[in-house]
Protein backbone atom coordinates (compact mmCIF):
# COMPACT_ATOMS: atom_id res chain seq x y z
CA MET A 1 82.01 122.74 134.71
CA GLY A 2 79.35 125.04 133.27
CA SER A 3 75.94 124.66 131.67
CA GLN A 4 74.96 123.85 128.13
CA LYS A 5 74.56 127.06 126.18
CA SER A 6 71.65 127.84 123.86
CA LEU A 7 72.15 128.09 120.13
CA ASN A 8 71.45 131.20 118.08
CA SER A 9 69.85 131.05 114.62
CA ASP A 10 73.19 131.32 112.85
CA GLU A 11 74.67 128.39 114.79
CA LYS A 12 71.55 126.30 114.15
CA LYS A 13 71.93 126.95 110.43
CA LEU A 14 75.58 125.92 110.52
CA LEU A 15 74.74 122.75 112.44
CA ARG A 16 72.04 121.84 109.90
CA GLN A 17 74.57 122.26 107.10
CA MET A 18 77.05 120.14 109.04
CA TYR A 19 74.46 117.39 109.54
CA TRP A 20 73.62 117.06 105.86
CA ARG A 21 77.24 117.32 104.80
CA SER A 22 78.23 114.64 107.33
CA PHE A 23 76.67 111.98 105.08
CA THR A 24 79.67 112.37 102.75
CA LEU A 25 82.20 111.11 105.34
CA TYR A 26 83.30 108.07 103.33
CA SER A 27 82.38 109.28 99.85
CA ALA A 28 86.07 109.77 98.95
CA VAL A 29 88.23 107.38 100.98
CA THR A 30 92.02 107.20 100.61
CA PRO A 31 94.40 104.82 102.42
CA SER A 32 96.31 107.67 104.03
CA LYS A 33 93.37 109.89 105.04
CA GLN A 34 90.28 107.61 105.14
CA GLY A 35 87.35 110.03 105.66
CA ALA A 36 89.36 113.25 105.98
CA SER A 37 87.86 114.83 102.87
CA GLY A 38 84.38 114.22 104.29
CA VAL A 39 85.38 115.90 107.55
CA SER A 40 86.76 118.89 105.68
CA TYR A 41 83.58 119.20 103.63
CA ALA A 42 81.33 118.98 106.72
CA MET A 43 83.43 121.55 108.59
CA GLN A 44 83.61 124.02 105.71
CA PRO A 45 80.56 126.14 106.74
CA PHE A 46 82.08 126.71 110.19
CA ILE A 47 85.51 127.47 108.77
CA ASP A 48 84.07 129.95 106.28
CA ARG A 49 82.13 131.70 109.04
CA PHE A 50 84.76 131.77 111.78
CA TYR A 51 87.68 132.71 109.54
CA LYS A 52 85.75 134.95 107.16
CA ASN A 53 88.21 137.83 107.56
CA ASP A 54 91.29 135.71 108.24
CA PRO A 55 92.54 134.05 105.01
CA GLU A 56 95.60 132.50 106.68
CA GLY A 57 93.55 131.15 109.58
CA ARG A 58 91.07 129.73 107.11
CA ARG A 59 93.84 128.02 105.15
CA GLN A 60 95.33 126.51 108.30
CA ALA A 61 91.91 125.29 109.45
CA MET A 62 91.27 123.61 106.10
CA VAL A 63 94.65 121.86 106.26
CA ARG A 64 93.97 120.88 109.87
CA GLN A 65 90.66 119.22 108.99
CA MET A 66 92.34 117.08 106.32
CA SER A 67 94.13 114.95 108.91
CA TYR A 68 93.44 111.20 109.11
CA PHE A 69 89.92 110.41 110.32
CA ASN A 70 88.07 107.14 110.76
CA THR A 71 85.16 106.43 113.12
CA ASN A 72 81.59 105.14 113.31
CA VAL A 73 79.16 107.15 111.18
CA ALA A 74 76.53 107.38 113.94
CA MET A 75 78.99 108.93 116.41
CA TYR A 76 80.70 111.09 113.81
CA PRO A 77 78.57 114.30 114.10
CA PHE A 78 79.30 114.48 117.84
CA ILE A 79 83.02 114.72 117.05
CA LEU A 80 82.27 117.27 114.34
CA GLY A 81 80.35 119.39 116.84
CA ILE A 82 83.21 119.39 119.34
CA THR A 83 85.71 120.16 116.57
CA ALA A 84 83.57 123.08 115.37
CA SER A 85 83.35 124.50 118.88
CA MET A 86 87.14 124.30 119.22
CA GLU A 87 87.62 126.06 115.88
CA LYS A 88 85.37 128.81 117.22
CA GLU A 89 87.48 129.08 120.38
CA ASN A 90 90.62 129.21 118.27
CA HIS A 91 89.14 132.06 116.23
CA GLU A 92 88.11 134.03 119.31
CA LYS A 93 91.23 133.48 121.44
CA PRO A 94 94.58 134.41 119.81
CA ASP A 95 96.57 132.31 122.30
CA PHE A 96 94.39 129.22 121.99
CA ASN A 97 96.37 125.96 121.79
CA VAL A 98 95.57 125.02 118.21
CA ASP A 99 97.19 121.59 118.58
CA SER A 100 94.34 120.62 120.91
CA ILE A 101 91.86 120.56 118.02
CA ASN A 102 93.31 117.57 116.18
CA ALA A 103 94.47 115.98 119.43
CA VAL A 104 90.94 115.87 120.83
CA LYS A 105 89.45 114.82 117.48
CA THR A 106 91.93 111.97 117.10
CA SER A 107 91.47 110.79 120.69
CA LEU A 108 87.69 110.50 120.23
CA MET A 109 87.80 108.49 116.99
CA GLY A 110 88.73 105.13 118.46
CA PRO A 111 86.58 105.01 121.63
CA LEU A 112 83.45 106.31 119.89
CA ALA A 113 84.01 103.96 116.96
CA GLY A 114 84.09 101.04 119.38
CA VAL A 115 80.87 102.16 121.09
CA GLY A 116 79.10 102.91 117.81
CA ASP A 117 80.11 99.66 116.12
CA SER A 118 79.01 97.60 119.12
CA VAL A 119 75.67 99.33 119.69
CA PHE A 120 74.55 100.04 116.13
CA TRP A 121 76.22 97.39 113.97
CA GLY A 122 76.32 94.68 116.61
CA VAL A 123 73.04 95.18 118.51
CA LEU A 124 70.59 97.51 116.76
CA ARG A 125 71.16 96.10 113.28
CA THR A 126 70.76 92.52 114.56
CA ILE A 127 67.51 93.34 116.37
CA ALA A 128 66.11 95.25 113.37
CA ALA A 129 67.08 92.42 111.01
CA GLY A 130 65.54 89.81 113.30
CA ILE A 131 62.21 91.64 113.41
CA ALA A 132 62.25 92.24 109.65
CA VAL A 133 63.07 88.60 108.87
CA SER A 134 60.22 87.35 111.04
CA LEU A 135 57.84 89.72 109.23
CA ALA A 136 59.20 88.62 105.85
CA ASN A 137 58.67 84.95 106.74
CA SER A 138 55.03 85.71 107.44
CA GLY A 139 54.70 87.33 104.02
CA ASN A 140 54.68 90.98 105.11
CA VAL A 141 55.84 93.07 102.14
CA LEU A 142 56.75 95.95 104.47
CA ALA A 143 59.58 93.94 106.11
CA PRO A 144 62.44 95.74 104.27
CA PHE A 145 60.98 99.13 105.13
CA ILE A 146 60.52 98.12 108.78
CA PHE A 147 64.18 97.13 108.90
CA LEU A 148 65.29 100.46 107.43
CA LEU A 149 63.10 102.43 109.85
CA LEU A 150 64.11 100.46 112.95
CA PHE A 151 67.79 100.91 112.15
CA ASN A 152 67.95 104.38 110.63
CA VAL A 153 65.56 106.36 112.85
CA PRO A 154 67.66 105.90 116.03
CA VAL A 155 70.88 106.43 114.08
CA GLN A 156 69.70 109.67 112.50
CA LEU A 157 68.29 110.98 115.78
CA LEU A 158 71.67 110.38 117.40
CA ARG A 159 73.49 111.99 114.49
CA TRP A 160 71.24 115.08 114.62
CA LYS A 161 71.32 115.52 118.39
CA GLY A 162 74.94 114.39 118.67
CA GLY A 163 76.19 117.23 116.49
CA GLN A 164 74.28 119.79 118.54
CA LEU A 165 75.41 118.25 121.83
CA GLY A 166 79.04 118.15 120.76
CA TYR A 167 78.94 121.81 119.73
CA THR A 168 77.13 123.18 122.78
CA LEU A 169 78.88 121.10 125.43
CA GLY A 170 82.23 121.34 123.68
CA SER A 171 82.13 125.12 123.55
CA SER A 172 81.25 125.61 127.22
CA TYR A 173 83.52 122.87 128.62
CA ILE A 174 86.51 123.82 126.51
CA SER A 175 86.05 127.46 127.53
CA ASN A 176 86.18 126.38 131.17
CA LEU A 177 89.22 124.19 130.58
CA TYR A 178 90.90 127.13 128.91
CA ALA A 179 89.98 129.50 131.73
CA ASN A 180 91.30 127.04 134.34
CA GLY A 181 94.55 126.53 132.45
CA LEU A 182 93.83 122.86 131.81
CA ILE A 183 93.71 123.00 128.01
CA ASN A 184 97.39 122.00 127.68
CA THR A 185 96.77 119.02 129.96
CA LEU A 186 93.80 118.03 127.84
CA THR A 187 95.89 118.32 124.67
CA LYS A 188 98.65 116.13 126.09
CA ALA A 189 96.21 113.50 127.37
CA ALA A 190 94.32 113.45 124.07
CA GLY A 191 97.60 113.13 122.17
CA ILE A 192 98.58 110.09 124.25
CA VAL A 193 95.22 108.44 123.60
CA GLY A 194 95.51 109.22 119.89
CA LEU A 195 99.00 107.74 119.64
CA THR A 196 97.85 104.64 121.52
CA MET A 197 95.02 104.20 119.02
CA VAL A 198 97.39 104.61 116.07
CA GLY A 199 99.73 102.03 117.61
CA ALA A 200 96.88 99.57 118.04
CA MET A 201 95.77 100.14 114.44
CA THR A 202 99.32 99.49 113.23
CA SER A 203 99.57 96.15 115.03
CA GLN A 204 96.18 95.06 113.66
CA MET A 205 96.38 96.32 110.09
CA VAL A 206 100.05 95.99 109.05
CA LYS A 207 100.92 92.34 108.45
CA LEU A 208 104.09 90.70 107.15
CA ASN A 209 105.08 87.13 108.01
CA ILE A 210 108.49 85.78 106.99
CA LYS A 211 108.19 82.37 105.27
CA TRP A 212 111.92 81.93 104.65
CA ASN A 213 113.53 79.63 107.23
CA MET A 214 117.10 78.54 107.94
CA MET A 215 117.73 75.06 106.53
CA MET A 216 120.46 72.49 107.10
CA GLY A 217 120.53 69.04 105.58
CA GLY A 218 117.06 69.54 104.14
CA LYS A 219 115.60 70.24 107.59
CA VAL A 220 114.39 73.48 109.12
CA ILE A 221 116.73 74.38 111.97
CA MET A 222 115.23 77.79 112.73
CA LYS A 223 111.89 79.36 111.85
CA THR A 224 112.69 82.99 111.09
CA GLN A 225 109.23 84.33 112.00
CA SER A 226 109.22 82.52 115.34
CA MET A 227 112.68 83.86 116.13
CA LEU A 228 111.57 87.43 115.33
CA ASP A 229 108.43 87.02 117.46
CA GLN A 230 110.59 86.02 120.39
CA ILE A 231 112.51 89.26 120.02
CA PHE A 232 109.50 91.52 119.43
CA VAL A 233 106.04 90.51 118.17
CA GLY A 234 105.24 92.45 115.01
CA LEU A 235 108.81 93.74 114.66
CA ILE A 236 108.91 93.93 110.84
CA PRO A 237 105.46 95.57 110.47
CA LEU A 238 106.55 98.13 113.07
CA LEU A 239 109.80 98.83 111.20
CA ILE A 240 107.91 99.20 107.92
CA THR A 241 105.48 101.64 109.58
CA LEU A 242 108.28 103.70 111.12
CA LEU A 243 110.21 103.76 107.85
CA SER A 244 107.09 104.91 105.98
CA PHE A 245 106.47 107.61 108.57
CA TYR A 246 110.10 108.77 108.31
CA LEU A 247 109.97 108.95 104.51
CA LEU A 248 106.60 110.72 104.62
CA LYS A 249 107.40 113.32 107.28
CA LYS A 250 111.16 113.81 107.05
CA LYS A 251 111.89 113.20 103.38
CA ASN A 252 108.56 114.47 102.00
CA VAL A 253 108.06 111.32 99.92
CA SER A 254 104.63 111.24 98.27
CA ILE A 255 102.12 108.91 99.91
CA ASN A 256 101.35 107.51 96.45
CA TYR A 257 105.00 106.48 95.99
CA LEU A 258 104.94 104.81 99.41
CA ILE A 259 101.79 102.86 98.58
CA VAL A 260 103.15 101.70 95.23
CA GLY A 261 106.51 100.86 96.83
CA ILE A 262 104.90 98.70 99.52
CA ILE A 263 102.76 96.90 96.93
CA VAL A 264 105.83 96.19 94.77
CA LEU A 265 107.80 95.06 97.83
CA GLY A 266 104.99 92.67 98.82
CA ILE A 267 104.83 91.19 95.32
CA VAL A 268 108.62 90.72 95.09
CA LEU A 269 108.87 89.12 98.54
CA SER A 270 105.98 86.81 97.70
CA LEU A 271 107.49 85.73 94.38
CA LEU A 272 110.82 85.03 96.08
CA GLY A 273 109.06 83.00 98.77
CA ILE A 274 110.43 85.22 101.53
CA ALA A 275 107.10 86.49 102.85
């Protein structure tokens, strides 16, 4: 597949800027974009460099990096590195499949978030806390600092090396995929994974249970929610999601109006005892 390429001084500088900027991932979170503004900010040095003499390409890249993004902070720079390498390929190759950039980025969010959450939040944090608590119980005043070091040193090493690894490996591997004509296959596969992740997020995060039931003679003869679950589990949340997507993409309804509308709908349905 090709070897890892060395970095020149300019690329090292860009990667350092990306590393420090990556700390702002969740500094401005919105329901519709999550950490997209942080991604855009971290990618800005690369965009400015690659599209220096291409104002339209720069504009499109900035819009592209404002797509929905949500992953584990420790794994995040690795995705940034790969994304930066793909932006470079897009700049250098006029016929590069630009859709592959967001497709690959989206497909990596879920799997790497799962790995990062399990390893760093589930394992490393627990071990670091256990050691720090035992030190604190013995009266060691350095216990809080030991906890911070045990947790943050591995995380920051991974963040620093992960960004470099994503950029160097991403550039060489994507170049080979492009040369072998497999970039379209990669884009399609990444798109499928991304859509699967979005579908899983929808089923987990969008909730609406119908409390209104059919009554006869003061007795419940049919539980509406149970009946709907027999037809299709999560049917109403799915319909709400699809309707929101339709209004957002086809009718250009503002995301703020959709959020307010859903909040109002939830309040009204709750007051009426329907949901």
